[in-house]
PDB file of N, CA and C in Angstrom:
ATOM      1  N   MET A   1      -9.606  -2.646  -0.265  1.00  0.00           N
ATOM      2  CA  MET A   1      -8.850  -3.976   0.125  1.00  0.00           C
ATOM      3  C   MET A   1      -8.081  -3.724   1.701  1.00  0.00           C
ATOM      4  N   THR A   2      -8.317  -4.282   2.605  1.00  0.00           N
ATOM      5  CA  THR A   2      -7.676  -4.285   4.093  1.00  0.00           C
ATOM      6  C   THR A   2      -5.935  -4.968   3.865  1.00  0.00           C
ATOM      7  N   GLY A   3      -5.084  -4.362   4.837  1.00  0.00           N
ATOM      8  CA  GLY A   3      -4.247  -4.826   5.081  1.00  0.00           C
ATOM      9  C   GLY A   3      -4.368  -6.136   5.219  1.00  0.00           C
ATOM     10  N   HIS A   4      -4.858  -6.880   6.030  1.00  0.00           N
ATOM     11  CA  HIS A   4      -4.983  -8.261   6.029  1.00  0.00           C
ATOM     12  C   HIS A   4      -5.415  -8.938   4.856  1.00  0.00           C
ATOM     13  N   GLU A   5      -6.257  -8.597   3.952  1.00  0.00           N
ATOM     14  CA  GLU A   5      -6.311  -8.969   2.632  1.00  0.00           C
ATOM     15  C   GLU A   5      -5.243  -9.044   1.723  1.00  0.00           C
ATOM     16  N   ALA A   6      -4.522  -8.106   1.743  1.00  0.00           N
ATOM     17  CA  ALA A   6      -3.620  -8.215   0.920  1.00  0.00           C
ATOM     18  C   ALA A   6      -2.508  -8.626   1.359  1.00  0.00           C
ATOM     19  N   ALA A   7      -2.221  -8.731   2.523  1.00  0.00           N
ATOM     20  CA  ALA A   7      -0.860  -9.768   3.541  1.00  0.00           C
ATOM     21  C   ALA A   7      -1.523 -10.980   3.319  1.00  0.00           C
ATOM     22  N   GLN A   8      -3.267 -11.433   2.943  1.00  0.00           N
ATOM     23  CA  GLN A   8      -3.032 -13.019   2.914  1.00  0.00           C
ATOM     24  C   GLN A   8      -3.159 -13.389   1.474  1.00  0.00           C
ATOM     25  N   GLY A   9      -3.132 -12.501   0.040  1.00  0.00           N
ATOM     26  CA  GLY A   9      -3.533 -12.426  -0.668  1.00  0.00           C
ATOM     27  C   GLY A   9      -1.863 -12.526  -1.565  1.00  0.00           C
ATOM     28  N   ALA A  10      -1.276 -11.767  -0.786  1.00  0.00           N
ATOM     29  CA  ALA A  10       0.313 -11.644  -1.486  1.00  0.00           C
ATOM     30  C   ALA A  10       1.004 -12.895  -1.264  1.00  0.00           C
ATOM     31  N   THR A  11       0.613 -13.694  -0.238  1.00  0.00           N
ATOM     32  CA  THR A  11       1.530 -14.685   0.065  1.00  0.00           C
ATOM     33  C   THR A  11       0.779 -16.422   0.048  1.00  0.00           C
ATOM     34  N   SER A  12      -0.682 -15.933  -0.070  1.00  0.00           N
ATOM     35  CA  SER A  12      -1.718 -17.382   0.329  1.00  0.00           C
ATOM     36  C   SER A  12      -1.308 -18.120   1.274  1.00  0.00           C
ATOM     37  N   ARG A  13      -0.790 -17.578   2.044  1.00  0.00           N
ATOM     38  CA  ARG A  13      -0.850 -17.918   3.757  1.00  0.00           C
ATOM     39  C   ARG A  13      -1.625 -17.335   4.961  1.00  0.00           C
ATOM     40  N   PRO A  14      -2.036 -17.777   5.604  1.00  0.00           N
ATOM     41  CA  PRO A  14      -2.916 -17.167   7.178  1.00  0.00           C
ATOM     42  C   PRO A  14      -1.585 -16.394   7.617  1.00  0.00           C
ATOM     43  N   VAL A  15      -2.449 -14.873   7.576  1.00  0.00           N
ATOM     44  CA  VAL A  15      -2.087 -14.087   8.613  1.00  0.00           C
ATOM     45  C   VAL A  15      -1.633 -14.277   9.834  1.00  0.00           C
ATOM     46  N   THR A  16      -0.163 -14.198  10.312  1.00  0.00           N
ATOM     47  CA  THR A  16       0.190 -14.373  11.606  1.00  0.00           C
ATOM     48  C   THR A  16       0.345 -13.057  12.245  1.00  0.00           C
ATOM     49  N   LEU A  17       0.494 -13.388  13.858  1.00  0.00           N
ATOM     50  CA  LEU A  17       0.388 -12.128  14.589  1.00  0.00           C
ATOM     51  C   LEU A  17       2.107 -11.374  14.101  1.00  0.00           C
ATOM     52  N   LEU A  18       2.741 -12.047  13.684  1.00  0.00           N
ATOM     53  CA  LEU A  18       4.129 -11.327  13.309  1.00  0.00           C
ATOM     54  C   LEU A  18       3.991 -10.517  11.975  1.00  0.00           C
ATOM     55  N   ASP A  19       2.598 -10.768  11.022  1.00  0.00           N
ATOM     56  CA  ASP A  19       2.589  -9.896   9.998  1.00  0.00           C
ATOM     57  C   ASP A  19       1.995  -8.862  10.625  1.00  0.00           C
ATOM     58  N   VAL A  20       1.003  -8.900  11.525  1.00  0.00           N
ATOM     59  CA  VAL A  20       0.197  -7.780  12.065  1.00  0.00           C
ATOM     60  C   VAL A  20       0.968  -6.246  12.694  1.00  0.00           C
ATOM     61  N   PHE A  21       1.974  -7.659  13.631  1.00  0.00           N
ATOM     62  CA  PHE A  21       3.172  -6.528  14.241  1.00  0.00           C
ATOM     63  C   PHE A  21       4.047  -5.677  13.130  1.00  0.00           C
ATOM     64  N   ASP A  22       4.507  -6.259  11.877  1.00  0.00           N
ATOM     65  CA  ASP A  22       5.267  -5.592  11.236  1.00  0.00           C
ATOM     66  C   ASP A  22       4.353  -4.766  10.264  1.00  0.00           C
ATOM     67  N   GLN A  23       2.907  -4.821  10.252  1.00  0.00           N
ATOM     68  CA  GLN A  23       2.186  -3.802   9.228  1.00  0.00           C
ATOM     69  C   GLN A  23       1.817  -2.539  10.437  1.00  0.00           C
ATOM     70  N   HIS A  24       1.942  -2.505  11.428  1.00  0.00           N
ATOM     71  CA  HIS A  24       1.522  -1.573  12.461  1.00  0.00           C
ATOM     72  C   HIS A  24       2.678  -1.027  13.162  1.00  0.00           C
ATOM     73  N   TYR A  25       3.802  -1.804  13.484  1.00  0.00           N
ATOM     74  CA  TYR A  25       4.912  -1.182  14.342  1.00  0.00           C
ATOM     75  C   TYR A  25       5.031  -0.090  14.273  1.00  0.00           C
ATOM     76  N   ARG A  26       5.463   0.656  13.026  1.00  0.00           N
ATOM     77  CA  ARG A  26       5.529   2.348  12.858  1.00  0.00           C
ATOM     78  C   ARG A  26       4.257   3.177  13.591  1.00  0.00           C
ATOM     79  N   ASP A  27       3.272   2.796  13.253  1.00  0.00           N
ATOM     80  CA  ASP A  27       2.280   3.311  14.015  1.00  0.00           C
ATOM     81  C   ASP A  27       2.194   3.717  15.642  1.00  0.00           C
ATOM     82  N   VAL A  28       2.606   1.951  16.097  1.00  0.00           N
ATOM     83  CA  VAL A  28       2.738   2.121  17.522  1.00  0.00           C
ATOM     84  C   VAL A  28       3.839   2.803  17.955  1.00  0.00           C
ATOM     85  N   HIS A  29       4.687   2.711  17.210  1.00  0.00           N
ATOM     86  CA  HIS A  29       6.324   3.455  17.925  1.00  0.00           C
ATOM     87  C   HIS A  29       6.034   4.423  17.734  1.00  0.00           C
ATOM     88  N   GLY A  30       5.388   5.222  16.614  1.00  0.00           N
ATOM     89  CA  GLY A  30       5.215   6.705  16.771  1.00  0.00           C
ATOM     90  C   GLY A  30       4.247   7.494  17.478  1.00  0.00           C
ATOM     91  N   TYR A  31       3.395   6.405  18.110  1.00  0.00           N
ATOM     92  CA  TYR A  31       2.938   7.004  19.239  1.00  0.00           C
ATOM     93  C   TYR A  31       2.975   7.248  20.436  1.00  0.00           C
ATOM     94  N   LEU A  32       3.619   5.966  21.000  1.00  0.00           N
ATOM     95  CA  LEU A  32       4.945   5.557  21.697  1.00  0.00           C
ATOM     96  C   LEU A  32       5.643   7.252  22.267  1.00  0.00           C
ATOM     97  N   ALA A  33       6.552   7.322  21.055  1.00  0.00           N
ATOM     98  CA  ALA A  33       7.740   8.166  21.038  1.00  0.00           C
ATOM     99  C   ALA A  33       7.232   9.304  21.121  1.00  0.00           C
ATOM    100  N   ARG A  34       5.672   9.270  20.960  1.00  0.00           N
ATOM    101  CA  ARG A  34       5.369  11.346  21.480  1.00  0.00           C
ATOM    102  C   ARG A  34       4.887  11.344  22.868  1.00  0.00           C
ATOM    103  N   ARG A  35       4.873  10.060  23.599  1.00  0.00           N
ATOM    104  CA  ARG A  35       4.515  10.174  24.991  1.00  0.00           C
ATOM    105  C   ARG A  35       5.868   9.995  26.231  1.00  0.00           C
ATOM    106  N   VAL A  36       6.549   9.142  25.369  1.00  0.00           N
ATOM    107  CA  VAL A  36       7.719   8.945  26.265  1.00  0.00           C
ATOM    108  C   VAL A  36       9.297   8.914  25.669  1.00  0.00           C
ATOM    109  N   ASP A  37      10.296   9.063  25.942  1.00  0.00           N
ATOM    110  CA  ASP A  37      11.520   9.184  25.342  1.00  0.00           C
ATOM    111  C   ASP A  37      11.662   8.010  24.378  1.00  0.00           C
ATOM    112  N   ALA A  38      13.098   7.995  23.602  1.00  0.00           N
ATOM    113  CA  ALA A  38      12.748   7.235  22.692  1.00  0.00           C
ATOM    114  C   ALA A  38      13.303   5.863  22.912  1.00  0.00           C
ATOM    115  N   HIS A  39      14.121   5.812  23.899  1.00  0.00           N
ATOM    116  CA  HIS A  39      14.411   4.555  24.449  1.00  0.00           C
ATOM    117  C   HIS A  39      13.320   3.526  24.516  1.00  0.00           C
ATOM    118  N   THR A  40      12.100   4.507  25.466  1.00  0.00           N
ATOM    119  CA  THR A  40      11.200   3.591  26.098  1.00  0.00           C
ATOM    120  C   THR A  40      10.340   3.351  25.011  1.00  0.00           C
ATOM    121  N   ALA A  41       9.882   4.302  24.415  1.00  0.00           N
ATOM    122  CA  ALA A  41       9.308   4.029  23.270  1.00  0.00           C
ATOM    123  C   ALA A  41       9.608   2.323  22.204  1.00  0.00           C
ATOM    124  N   GLU A  42      10.916   2.756  21.811  1.00  0.00           N
ATOM    125  CA  GLU A  42      11.378   1.105  21.380  1.00  0.00           C
ATOM    126  C   GLU A  42      11.329  -0.018  22.339  1.00  0.00           C
ATOM    127  N   ASP A  43      11.444   0.026  23.666  1.00  0.00           N
ATOM    128  CA  ASP A  43      11.121  -1.122  24.468  1.00  0.00           C
ATOM    129  C   ASP A  43       9.518  -1.466  24.552  1.00  0.00           C
ATOM    130  N   LEU A  44       8.662  -0.422  24.433  1.00  0.00           N
ATOM    131  CA  LEU A  44       7.410  -0.711  24.865  1.00  0.00           C
ATOM    132  C   LEU A  44       6.824  -1.026  23.163  1.00  0.00           C
ATOM    133  N   ALA A  45       7.101  -0.414  22.375  1.00  0.00           N
ATOM    134  CA  ALA A  45       6.565  -0.980  20.903  1.00  0.00           C
ATOM    135  C   ALA A  45       7.079  -2.518  20.802  1.00  0.00           C
ATOM    136  N   SER A  46       8.345  -2.858  20.971  1.00  0.00           N
ATOM    137  CA  SER A  46       8.800  -4.094  20.734  1.00  0.00           C
ATOM    138  C   SER A  46       7.761  -5.438  21.917  1.00  0.00           C
ATOM    139  N   GLU A  47       7.729  -4.650  23.010  1.00  0.00           N
ATOM    140  CA  GLU A  47       6.927  -5.297  23.860  1.00  0.00           C
ATOM    141  C   GLU A  47       5.442  -5.844  23.199  1.00  0.00           C
ATOM    142  N   THR A  48       4.923  -5.110  22.224  1.00  0.00           N
ATOM    143  CA  THR A  48       3.769  -5.314  21.844  1.00  0.00           C
ATOM    144  C   THR A  48       3.934  -6.631  21.231  1.00  0.00           C
ATOM    145  N   SER A  49       5.041  -7.260  20.597  1.00  0.00           N
ATOM    146  CA  SER A  49       4.864  -8.371  19.832  1.00  0.00           C
ATOM    147  C   SER A  49       4.949  -9.387  20.439  1.00  0.00           C
ATOM    148  N   ARG A  50       5.699  -9.356  21.968  1.00  0.00           N
ATOM    149  CA  ARG A  50       5.948 -10.382  22.781  1.00  0.00           C
ATOM    150  C   ARG A  50       4.530 -10.778  23.659  1.00  0.00           C
ATOM    151  N   ARG A  51       3.818  -9.585  23.999  1.00  0.00           N
ATOM    152  CA  ARG A  51       2.531  -9.924  24.675  1.00  0.00           C
ATOM    153  C   ARG A  51       1.350  -9.667  23.706  1.00  0.00           C
ATOM    154  N   PRO A  52       1.019  -9.975  22.525  1.00  0.00           N
ATOM    155  CA  PRO A  52      -0.056  -9.290  21.944  1.00  0.00           C
ATOM    156  C   PRO A  52      -1.666  -9.397  22.632  1.00  0.00           C
ATOM    157  N   THR A  53      -1.712 -10.208  23.569  1.00  0.00           N
ATOM    158  CA  THR A  53      -3.098 -10.143  24.300  1.00  0.00           C
ATOM    159  C   THR A  53      -2.756 -10.459  25.415  1.00  0.00           C
ATOM    160  N   PRO A  54      -3.977  -9.889  26.274  1.00  0.00           N
ATOM    161  CA  PRO A  54      -3.874 -10.250  27.750  1.00  0.00           C
ATOM    162  C   PRO A  54      -4.565 -11.806  27.841  1.00  0.00           C
ATOM    163  N   ARG A  55      -4.009 -12.281  28.586  1.00  0.00           N
ATOM    164  CA  ARG A  55      -4.585 -13.477  29.329  1.00  0.00           C
ATOM    165  C   ARG A  55      -5.368 -13.221  30.321  1.00  0.00           C
ATOM    166  N   PRO A  56      -6.720 -14.143  30.474  1.00  0.00           N
ATOM    167  CA  PRO A  56      -7.763 -13.681  30.921  1.00  0.00           C
ATOM    168  C   PRO A  56      -7.608 -14.100  32.293  1.00  0.00           C
ATOM    169  N   ALA A  57      -8.124 -13.188  33.477  1.00  0.00           N
ATOM    170  CA  ALA A  57      -7.680 -13.674  34.751  1.00  0.00           C
ATOM    171  C   ALA A  57      -8.603 -15.119  35.309  1.00  0.00           C
ATOM    172  N   SER A  58      -7.910 -15.873  36.127  1.00  0.00           N
ATOM    173  CA  SER A  58      -8.672 -16.877  36.653  1.00  0.00           C
ATOM    174  C   SER A  58     -10.072 -17.128  36.812  1.00  0.00           C
ATOM    175  N   GLY A  59     -10.900 -17.693  36.577  1.00  0.00           N
ATOM    176  CA  GLY A  59     -12.456 -17.448  36.995  1.00  0.00           C
ATOM    177  C   GLY A  59     -13.002 -16.166  36.441  1.00  0.00           C
ATOM    178  N   SER A  60     -12.470 -15.980  35.172  1.00  0.00           N
ATOM    179  CA  SER A  60     -12.939 -14.849  34.449  1.00  0.00           C
ATOM    180  C   SER A  60     -13.953 -14.876  33.520  1.00  0.00           C
ATOM    181  N   GLY A  61     -14.071 -16.266  33.154  1.00  0.00           N
ATOM    182  CA  GLY A  61     -14.940 -16.871  32.008  1.00  0.00           C
ATOM    183  C   GLY A  61     -14.279 -17.141  30.904  1.00  0.00           C
ATOM    184  N   GLY A  62     -12.970 -17.059  30.980  1.00  0.00           N
ATOM    185  CA  GLY A  62     -12.049 -17.569  29.898  1.00  0.00           C
ATOM    186  C   GLY A  62     -12.360 -19.172  29.072  1.00  0.00           C
ATOM    187  N   PRO A  63     -11.442 -19.119  28.313  1.00  0.00           N
ATOM    188  CA  PRO A  63     -11.398 -20.322  27.595  1.00  0.00           C
ATOM    189  C   PRO A  63     -11.469 -21.616  28.650  1.00  0.00           C
ATOM    190  N   ARG A  64     -12.494 -22.628  28.450  1.00  0.00           N
ATOM    191  CA  ARG A  64     -12.204 -23.602  29.436  1.00  0.00           C
ATOM    192  C   ARG A  64     -11.416 -24.906  28.885  1.00  0.00           C
ATOM    193  N   ARG A  65     -10.942 -25.720  30.070  1.00  0.00           N
ATOM    194  CA  ARG A  65     -10.453 -26.571  29.668  1.00  0.00           C
ATOM    195  C   ARG A  65     -11.198 -27.886  29.834  1.00  0.00           C
ATOM    196  N   GLY A  66     -10.655 -28.608  28.946  1.00  0.00           N
ATOM    197  CA  GLY A  66     -11.329 -30.139  28.691  1.00  0.00           C
ATOM    198  C   GLY A  66     -12.952 -29.970  28.356  1.00  0.00           C
ATOM    199  N   PRO A  67     -13.565 -31.284  28.141  1.00  0.00           N
ATOM    200  CA  PRO A  67     -15.061 -30.872  27.343  1.00  0.00           C
ATOM    201  C   PRO A  67     -15.899 -30.489  28.413  1.00  0.00           C
ATOM    202  N   ARG A  68     -17.260 -29.767  27.368  1.00  0.00           N
ATOM    203  CA  ARG A  68     -17.959 -29.092  28.475  1.00  0.00           C
ATOM    204  C   ARG A  68     -19.121 -30.516  29.137  1.00  0.00           C
ATOM    205  N   PRO A  69     -19.358 -29.912  30.515  1.00  0.00           N
ATOM    206  CA  PRO A  69     -20.343 -30.853  30.848  1.00  0.00           C
ATOM    207  C   PRO A  69     -21.582 -31.267  30.264  1.00  0.00           C
ATOM    208  N   THR A  70     -21.993 -32.173  30.562  1.00  0.00           N
ATOM    209  CA  THR A  70     -23.577 -32.441  29.666  1.00  0.00           C
ATOM    210  C   THR A  70     -24.624 -32.324  30.366  1.00  0.00           C
ATOM    211  N   ARG A  71     -25.607 -32.231  30.079  1.00  0.00           N
ATOM    212  CA  ARG A  71     -27.086 -31.999  30.930  1.00  0.00           C
ATOM    213  C   ARG A  71     -27.520 -33.429  30.961  1.00  0.00           C
ATOM    214  N   ARG A  72     -28.084 -33.744  32.193  1.00  0.00           N
ATOM    215  CA  ARG A  72     -28.741 -34.963  32.242  1.00  0.00           C
ATOM    216  C   ARG A  72     -30.378 -34.853  32.933  1.00  0.00           C
TER     217      ARG A  72
END
């Protein structure tokens, strides 16, 4: 059983990004702490919950706004 399945089954609700953050925070913080000072590791690990995914660059083929054009 994956962590996702365990979290979902335990509460009968969809898994949120906060659930994923909570599940992996110690691993992320530990990785960072081996590479930078403790204060910076804390800041960077916390930042992962604030911006979990990068935004696509403008014109990069990201999600479209509005309906798709129709072919004629």
